[in-house]
Amino acid sequence: AGVHRQVLFTTVGWFVGYYLAKRSDYIYAKRDRELLEYVRHHPEDFKVAEKKRIGELLEDFYPIR
């Protein structure tokens, strides 16, 4: 009876895990679709920033002695 129960619980666990993984994939894909659709309809809210060079980002180095 012990081996049958282990096989049953393993099978049930695999199916539940598979279902939960597919459901989470669906929910994340749905959310991504909605967000991308919003970005596509409102481009003024998501302007592309101009690219800066690394020298423009860093501050000047002044050694302290």
PDB file of N, CA and C in Angstrom:
ATOM      1  N   ALA A   1       0.825  -1.196   0.000  1.00  0.00           N
ATOM      2  CA  ALA A   1       0.000   0.000   0.000  1.00  0.00           C
ATOM      3  C   ALA A   1       0.862   1.249   0.000  1.00  0.00           C
ATOM      4  N   GLY A   2       2.064   1.196   0.563  1.00  0.00           N
ATOM      5  CA  GLY A   2       2.922   2.368   0.645  1.00  0.00           C
ATOM      6  C   GLY A   2       3.421   2.841  -0.708  1.00  0.00           C
ATOM      7  N   VAL A   3       3.791   1.874  -1.568  1.00  0.00           N
ATOM      8  CA  VAL A   3       4.320   2.230  -2.887  1.00  0.00           C
ATOM      9  C   VAL A   3       3.213   2.833  -3.742  1.00  0.00           C
ATOM     10  N   HIS A   4       2.000   2.277  -3.654  1.00  0.00           N
ATOM     11  CA  HIS A   4       0.886   2.797  -4.437  1.00  0.00           C
ATOM     12  C   HIS A   4       0.579   4.230  -4.034  1.00  0.00           C
ATOM     13  N   ARG A   5       0.629   4.492  -2.737  1.00  0.00           N
ATOM     14  CA  ARG A   5       0.348   5.845  -2.239  1.00  0.00           C
ATOM     15  C   ARG A   5       1.427   6.820  -2.721  1.00  0.00           C
ATOM     16  N   GLN A   6       2.676   6.402  -2.712  1.00  0.00           N
ATOM     17  CA  GLN A   6       3.752   7.273  -3.188  1.00  0.00           C
ATOM     18  C   GLN A   6       3.594   7.594  -4.669  1.00  0.00           C
ATOM     19  N   VAL A   7       3.248   6.587  -5.463  1.00  0.00           N
ATOM     20  CA  VAL A   7       3.040   6.812  -6.891  1.00  0.00           C
ATOM     21  C   VAL A   7       1.854   7.743  -7.106  1.00  0.00           C
ATOM     22  N   LEU A   8       0.776   7.543  -6.346  1.00  0.00           N
ATOM     23  CA  LEU A   8      -0.404   8.397  -6.463  1.00  0.00           C
ATOM     24  C   LEU A   8      -0.060   9.840  -6.109  1.00  0.00           C
ATOM     25  N   PHE A   9       0.600  10.068  -4.976  1.00  0.00           N
ATOM     26  CA  PHE A   9       0.936  11.431  -4.565  1.00  0.00           C
ATOM     27  C   PHE A   9       1.923  12.089  -5.527  1.00  0.00           C
ATOM     28  N   THR A  10       2.853  11.309  -6.054  1.00  0.00           N
ATOM     29  CA  THR A  10       3.803  11.847  -7.027  1.00  0.00           C
ATOM     30  C   THR A  10       3.075  12.277  -8.293  1.00  0.00           C
ATOM     31  N   THR A  11       2.150  11.447  -8.766  1.00  0.00           N
ATOM     32  CA  THR A  11       1.394  11.776  -9.967  1.00  0.00           C
ATOM     33  C   THR A  11       0.513  12.999  -9.749  1.00  0.00           C
ATOM     34  N   VAL A  12      -0.193  13.035  -8.621  1.00  0.00           N
ATOM     35  CA  VAL A  12      -1.050  14.183  -8.321  1.00  0.00           C
ATOM     36  C   VAL A  12      -0.203  15.444  -8.186  1.00  0.00           C
ATOM     37  N   GLY A  13       0.921  15.349  -7.516  1.00  0.00           N
ATOM     38  CA  GLY A  13       1.805  16.500  -7.356  1.00  0.00           C
ATOM     39  C   GLY A  13       2.333  17.008  -8.677  1.00  0.00           C
ATOM     40  N   TRP A  14       2.666  16.083  -9.577  1.00  0.00           N
ATOM     41  CA  TRP A  14       3.164  16.494 -10.892  1.00  0.00           C
ATOM     42  C   TRP A  14       2.087  17.228 -11.665  1.00  0.00           C
ATOM     43  N   PHE A  15       0.857  16.713 -11.656  1.00  0.00           N
ATOM     44  CA  PHE A  15      -0.228  17.362 -12.396  1.00  0.00           C
ATOM     45  C   PHE A  15      -0.587  18.721 -11.798  1.00  0.00           C
ATOM     46  N   VAL A  16      -0.598  18.827 -10.484  1.00  0.00           N
ATOM     47  CA  VAL A  16      -0.890  20.116  -9.847  1.00  0.00           C
ATOM     48  C   VAL A  16       0.217  21.119 -10.168  1.00  0.00           C
ATOM     49  N   GLY A  17       1.466  20.696 -10.096  1.00  0.00           N
ATOM     50  CA  GLY A  17       2.581  21.573 -10.432  1.00  0.00           C
ATOM     51  C   GLY A  17       2.540  22.020 -11.875  1.00  0.00           C
ATOM     52  N   TYR A  18       2.207  21.094 -12.765  1.00  0.00           N
ATOM     53  CA  TYR A  18       2.106  21.431 -14.185  1.00  0.00           C
ATOM     54  C   TYR A  18       0.999  22.452 -14.404  1.00  0.00           C
ATOM     55  N   TYR A  19      -0.147  22.257 -13.778  1.00  0.00           N
ATOM     56  CA  TYR A  19      -1.267  23.186 -13.913  1.00  0.00           C
ATOM     57  C   TYR A  19      -0.887  24.565 -13.372  1.00  0.00           C
ATOM     58  N   LEU A  20      -0.245  24.623 -12.211  1.00  0.00           N
ATOM     59  CA  LEU A  20       0.137  25.907 -11.627  1.00  0.00           C
ATOM     60  C   LEU A  20       1.181  26.626 -12.487  1.00  0.00           C
ATOM     61  N   ALA A  21       2.100  25.882 -13.069  1.00  0.00           N
ATOM     62  CA  ALA A  21       3.105  26.502 -13.939  1.00  0.00           C
ATOM     63  C   ALA A  21       2.449  27.081 -15.183  1.00  0.00           C
ATOM     64  N   LYS A  22       1.524  26.341 -15.782  1.00  0.00           N
ATOM     65  CA  LYS A  22       0.835  26.841 -16.976  1.00  0.00           C
ATOM     66  C   LYS A  22      -0.026  28.050 -16.642  1.00  0.00           C
ATOM     67  N   ARG A  23      -0.673  28.030 -15.490  1.00  0.00           N
ATOM     68  CA  ARG A  23      -1.518  29.156 -15.093  1.00  0.00           C
ATOM     69  C   ARG A  23      -0.679  30.402 -14.842  1.00  0.00           C
ATOM     70  N   SER A  24       0.459  30.255 -14.183  1.00  0.00           N
ATOM     71  CA  SER A  24       1.300  31.422 -13.942  1.00  0.00           C
ATOM     72  C   SER A  24       1.860  31.970 -15.253  1.00  0.00           C
ATOM     73  N   ASP A  25       2.223  31.089 -16.191  1.00  0.00           N
ATOM     74  CA  ASP A  25       2.671  31.551 -17.505  1.00  0.00           C
ATOM     75  C   ASP A  25       1.575  32.340 -18.210  1.00  0.00           C
ATOM     76  N   TYR A  26       0.343  31.860 -18.120  1.00  0.00           N
ATOM     77  CA  TYR A  26      -0.780  32.547 -18.752  1.00  0.00           C
ATOM     78  C   TYR A  26      -1.012  33.917 -18.118  1.00  0.00           C
ATOM     79  N   ILE A  27      -0.972  33.972 -16.796  1.00  0.00           N
ATOM     80  CA  ILE A  27      -1.222  35.245 -16.104  1.00  0.00           C
ATOM     81  C   ILE A  27      -0.134  36.255 -16.457  1.00  0.00           C
ATOM     82  N   TYR A  28       1.144  35.843 -16.464  1.00  0.00           N
ATOM     83  CA  TYR A  28       2.227  36.759 -16.807  1.00  0.00           C
ATOM     84  C   TYR A  28       2.138  37.199 -18.264  1.00  0.00           C
ATOM     85  N   ALA A  29       1.777  36.293 -19.170  1.00  0.00           N
ATOM     86  CA  ALA A  29       1.638  36.659 -20.578  1.00  0.00           C
ATOM     87  C   ALA A  29       0.496  37.642 -20.770  1.00  0.00           C
ATOM     88  N   LYS A  30      -0.592  37.431 -20.064  1.00  0.00           N
ATOM     89  CA  LYS A  30      -1.734  38.348 -20.155  1.00  0.00           C
ATOM     90  C   LYS A  30      -1.350  39.733 -19.651  1.00  0.00           C
ATOM     91  N   ARG A  31      -0.645  39.781 -18.522  1.00  0.00           N
ATOM     92  CA  ARG A  31      -0.214  41.063 -17.975  1.00  0.00           C
ATOM     93  C   ARG A  31       0.749  41.765 -18.927  1.00  0.00           C
ATOM     94  N   ASP A  32       1.679  41.018 -19.526  1.00  0.00           N
ATOM     95  CA  ASP A  32       2.611  41.610 -20.485  1.00  0.00           C
ATOM     96  C   ASP A  32       1.880  42.167 -21.694  1.00  0.00           C
ATOM     97  N   ARG A  33       0.890  41.436 -22.199  1.00  0.00           N
ATOM     98  CA  ARG A  33       0.102  41.930 -23.336  1.00  0.00           C
ATOM     99  C   ARG A  33      -0.592  43.231 -22.996  1.00  0.00           C
ATOM    100  N   GLU A  34      -1.206  43.293 -21.807  1.00  0.00           N
ATOM    101  CA  GLU A  34      -1.922  44.504 -21.408  1.00  0.00           C
ATOM    102  C   GLU A  34      -0.969  45.685 -21.254  1.00  0.00           C
ATOM    103  N   LEU A  35       0.195  45.453 -20.648  1.00  0.00           N
ATOM    104  CA  LEU A  35       1.153  46.542 -20.479  1.00  0.00           C
ATOM    105  C   LEU A  35       1.711  47.020 -21.815  1.00  0.00           C
ATOM    106  N   LEU A  36       2.044  46.107 -22.699  1.00  0.00           N
ATOM    107  CA  LEU A  36       2.563  46.507 -24.008  1.00  0.00           C
ATOM    108  C   LEU A  36       1.509  47.230 -24.833  1.00  0.00           C
ATOM    109  N   GLU A  37       0.264  46.816 -24.703  1.00  0.00           N
ATOM    110  CA  GLU A  37      -0.827  47.508 -25.397  1.00  0.00           C
ATOM    111  C   GLU A  37      -0.979  48.931 -24.861  1.00  0.00           C
ATOM    112  N   TYR A  38      -0.855  49.102 -23.542  1.00  0.00           N
ATOM    113  CA  TYR A  38      -0.930  50.436 -22.946  1.00  0.00           C
ATOM    114  C   TYR A  38       0.221  51.309 -23.438  1.00  0.00           C
ATOM    115  N   VAL A  39       1.430  50.755 -23.481  1.00  0.00           N
ATOM    116  CA  VAL A  39       2.588  51.514 -23.956  1.00  0.00           C
ATOM    117  C   VAL A  39       2.399  51.896 -25.413  1.00  0.00           C
ATOM    118  N   ARG A  40       1.818  50.996 -26.202  1.00  0.00           N
ATOM    119  CA  ARG A  40       1.608  51.285 -27.621  1.00  0.00           C
ATOM    120  C   ARG A  40       0.583  52.398 -27.822  1.00  0.00           C
ATOM    121  N   HIS A  41      -0.432  52.457 -26.956  1.00  0.00           N
ATOM    122  CA  HIS A  41      -1.472  53.473 -27.091  1.00  0.00           C
ATOM    123  C   HIS A  41      -1.098  54.801 -26.438  1.00  0.00           C
ATOM    124  N   HIS A  42      -0.101  54.815 -25.565  1.00  0.00           N
ATOM    125  CA  HIS A  42       0.300  56.044 -24.873  1.00  0.00           C
ATOM    126  C   HIS A  42       1.803  56.266 -25.017  1.00  0.00           C
ATOM    127  N   PRO A  43       2.283  56.536 -26.226  1.00  0.00           N
ATOM    128  CA  PRO A  43       3.734  56.709 -26.411  1.00  0.00           C
ATOM    129  C   PRO A  43       4.265  57.980 -25.750  1.00  0.00           C
ATOM    130  N   GLU A  44       3.405  58.958 -25.509  1.00  0.00           N
ATOM    131  CA  GLU A  44       3.884  60.202 -24.891  1.00  0.00           C
ATOM    132  C   GLU A  44       4.323  59.989 -23.440  1.00  0.00           C
ATOM    133  N   ASP A  45       3.822  58.950 -22.794  1.00  0.00           N
ATOM    134  CA  ASP A  45       4.213  58.654 -21.415  1.00  0.00           C
ATOM    135  C   ASP A  45       5.538  57.899 -21.329  1.00  0.00           C
ATOM    136  N   PHE A  46       6.010  57.361 -22.450  1.00  0.00           N
ATOM    137  CA  PHE A  46       7.203  56.512 -22.447  1.00  0.00           C
ATOM    138  C   PHE A  46       8.184  56.992 -23.511  1.00  0.00           C
ATOM    139  N   LYS A  47       8.712  58.190 -23.316  1.00  0.00           N
ATOM    140  CA  LYS A  47       9.665  58.746 -24.275  1.00  0.00           C
ATOM    141  C   LYS A  47      11.031  58.104 -24.066  1.00  0.00           C
ATOM    142  N   VAL A  48      11.748  57.922 -25.153  1.00  0.00           N
ATOM    143  CA  VAL A  48      13.081  57.323 -25.098  1.00  0.00           C
ATOM    144  C   VAL A  48      14.066  58.409 -24.699  1.00  0.00           C
ATOM    145  N   ALA A  49      14.817  58.165 -23.649  1.00  0.00           N
ATOM    146  CA  ALA A  49      15.804  59.139 -23.192  1.00  0.00           C
ATOM    147  C   ALA A  49      17.010  59.123 -24.111  1.00  0.00           C
ATOM    148  N   GLU A  50      17.639  60.273 -24.228  1.00  0.00           N
ATOM    149  CA  GLU A  50      18.831  60.330 -25.070  1.00  0.00           C
ATOM    150  C   GLU A  50      19.964  59.575 -24.393  1.00  0.00           C
ATOM    151  N   LYS A  51      20.791  58.949 -25.218  1.00  0.00           N
ATOM    152  CA  LYS A  51      21.894  58.160 -24.683  1.00  0.00           C
ATOM    153  C   LYS A  51      23.046  59.077 -24.308  1.00  0.00           C
ATOM    154  N   LYS A  52      23.649  58.789 -23.151  1.00  0.00           N
ATOM    155  CA  LYS A  52      24.782  59.560 -22.686  1.00  0.00           C
ATOM    156  C   LYS A  52      26.027  58.684 -22.713  1.00  0.00           C
ATOM    157  N   ARG A  53      27.142  59.327 -22.884  1.00  0.00           N
ATOM    158  CA  ARG A  53      28.409  58.609 -22.838  1.00  0.00           C
ATOM    159  C   ARG A  53      28.817  58.407 -21.385  1.00  0.00           C
ATOM    160  N   ILE A  54      29.704  57.476 -21.143  1.00  0.00           N
ATOM    161  CA  ILE A  54      30.114  57.156 -19.777  1.00  0.00           C
ATOM    162  C   ILE A  54      30.803  58.349 -19.122  1.00  0.00           C
ATOM    163  N   GLY A  55      31.506  59.164 -19.909  1.00  0.00           N
ATOM    164  CA  GLY A  55      32.175  60.340 -19.358  1.00  0.00           C
ATOM    165  C   GLY A  55      31.189  61.385 -18.866  1.00  0.00           C
ATOM    166  N   GLU A  56      30.017  61.431 -19.438  1.00  0.00           N
ATOM    167  CA  GLU A  56      28.998  62.387 -19.006  1.00  0.00           C
ATOM    168  C   GLU A  56      28.322  61.927 -17.714  1.00  0.00           C
ATOM    169  N   LEU A  57      28.330  60.642 -17.454  1.00  0.00           N
ATOM    170  CA  LEU A  57      27.686  60.107 -16.260  1.00  0.00           C
ATOM    171  C   LEU A  57      28.563  60.204 -15.019  1.00  0.00           C
ATOM    172  N   LEU A  58      29.877  60.064 -15.199  1.00  0.00           N
ATOM    173  CA  LEU A  58      30.783  60.048 -14.062  1.00  0.00           C
ATOM    174  C   LEU A  58      31.159  61.464 -13.642  1.00  0.00           C
ATOM    175  N   GLU A  59      31.373  61.644 -12.359  1.00  0.00           N
ATOM    176  CA  GLU A  59      31.833  62.929 -11.850  1.00  0.00           C
ATOM    177  C   GLU A  59      33.349  63.016 -11.996  1.00  0.00           C
ATOM    178  N   ASP A  60      33.853  64.227 -11.974  1.00  0.00           N
ATOM    179  CA  ASP A  60      35.296  64.406 -12.047  1.00  0.00           C
ATOM    180  C   ASP A  60      35.952  63.863 -10.775  1.00  0.00           C
ATOM    181  N   PHE A  61      37.153  63.281 -10.942  1.00  0.00           N
ATOM    182  CA  PHE A  61      37.856  62.679  -9.819  1.00  0.00           C
ATOM    183  C   PHE A  61      38.861  63.672  -9.267  1.00  0.00           C
ATOM    184  N   TYR A  62      38.745  63.952  -7.981  1.00  0.00           N
ATOM    185  CA  TYR A  62      39.687  64.825  -7.292  1.00  0.00           C
ATOM    186  C   TYR A  62      40.296  64.021  -6.137  1.00  0.00           C
ATOM    187  N   PRO A  63      41.575  63.681  -6.247  1.00  0.00           N
ATOM    188  CA  PRO A  63      42.192  62.871  -5.189  1.00  0.00           C
ATOM    189  C   PRO A  63      42.330  63.674  -3.904  1.00  0.00           C
ATOM    190  N   ILE A  64      42.100  63.042  -2.772  1.00  0.00           N
ATOM    191  CA  ILE A  64      42.212  63.673  -1.461  1.00  0.00           C
ATOM    192  C   ILE A  64      43.469  63.122  -0.792  1.00  0.00           C
ATOM    193  N   ARG A  65      44.341  64.029  -0.325  1.00  0.00           N
ATOM    194  CA  ARG A  65      45.583  63.576   0.298  1.00  0.00           C
ATOM    195  C   ARG A  65      45.649  63.984   1.707  1.00  0.00           C
TER     196      ARG A  65
END
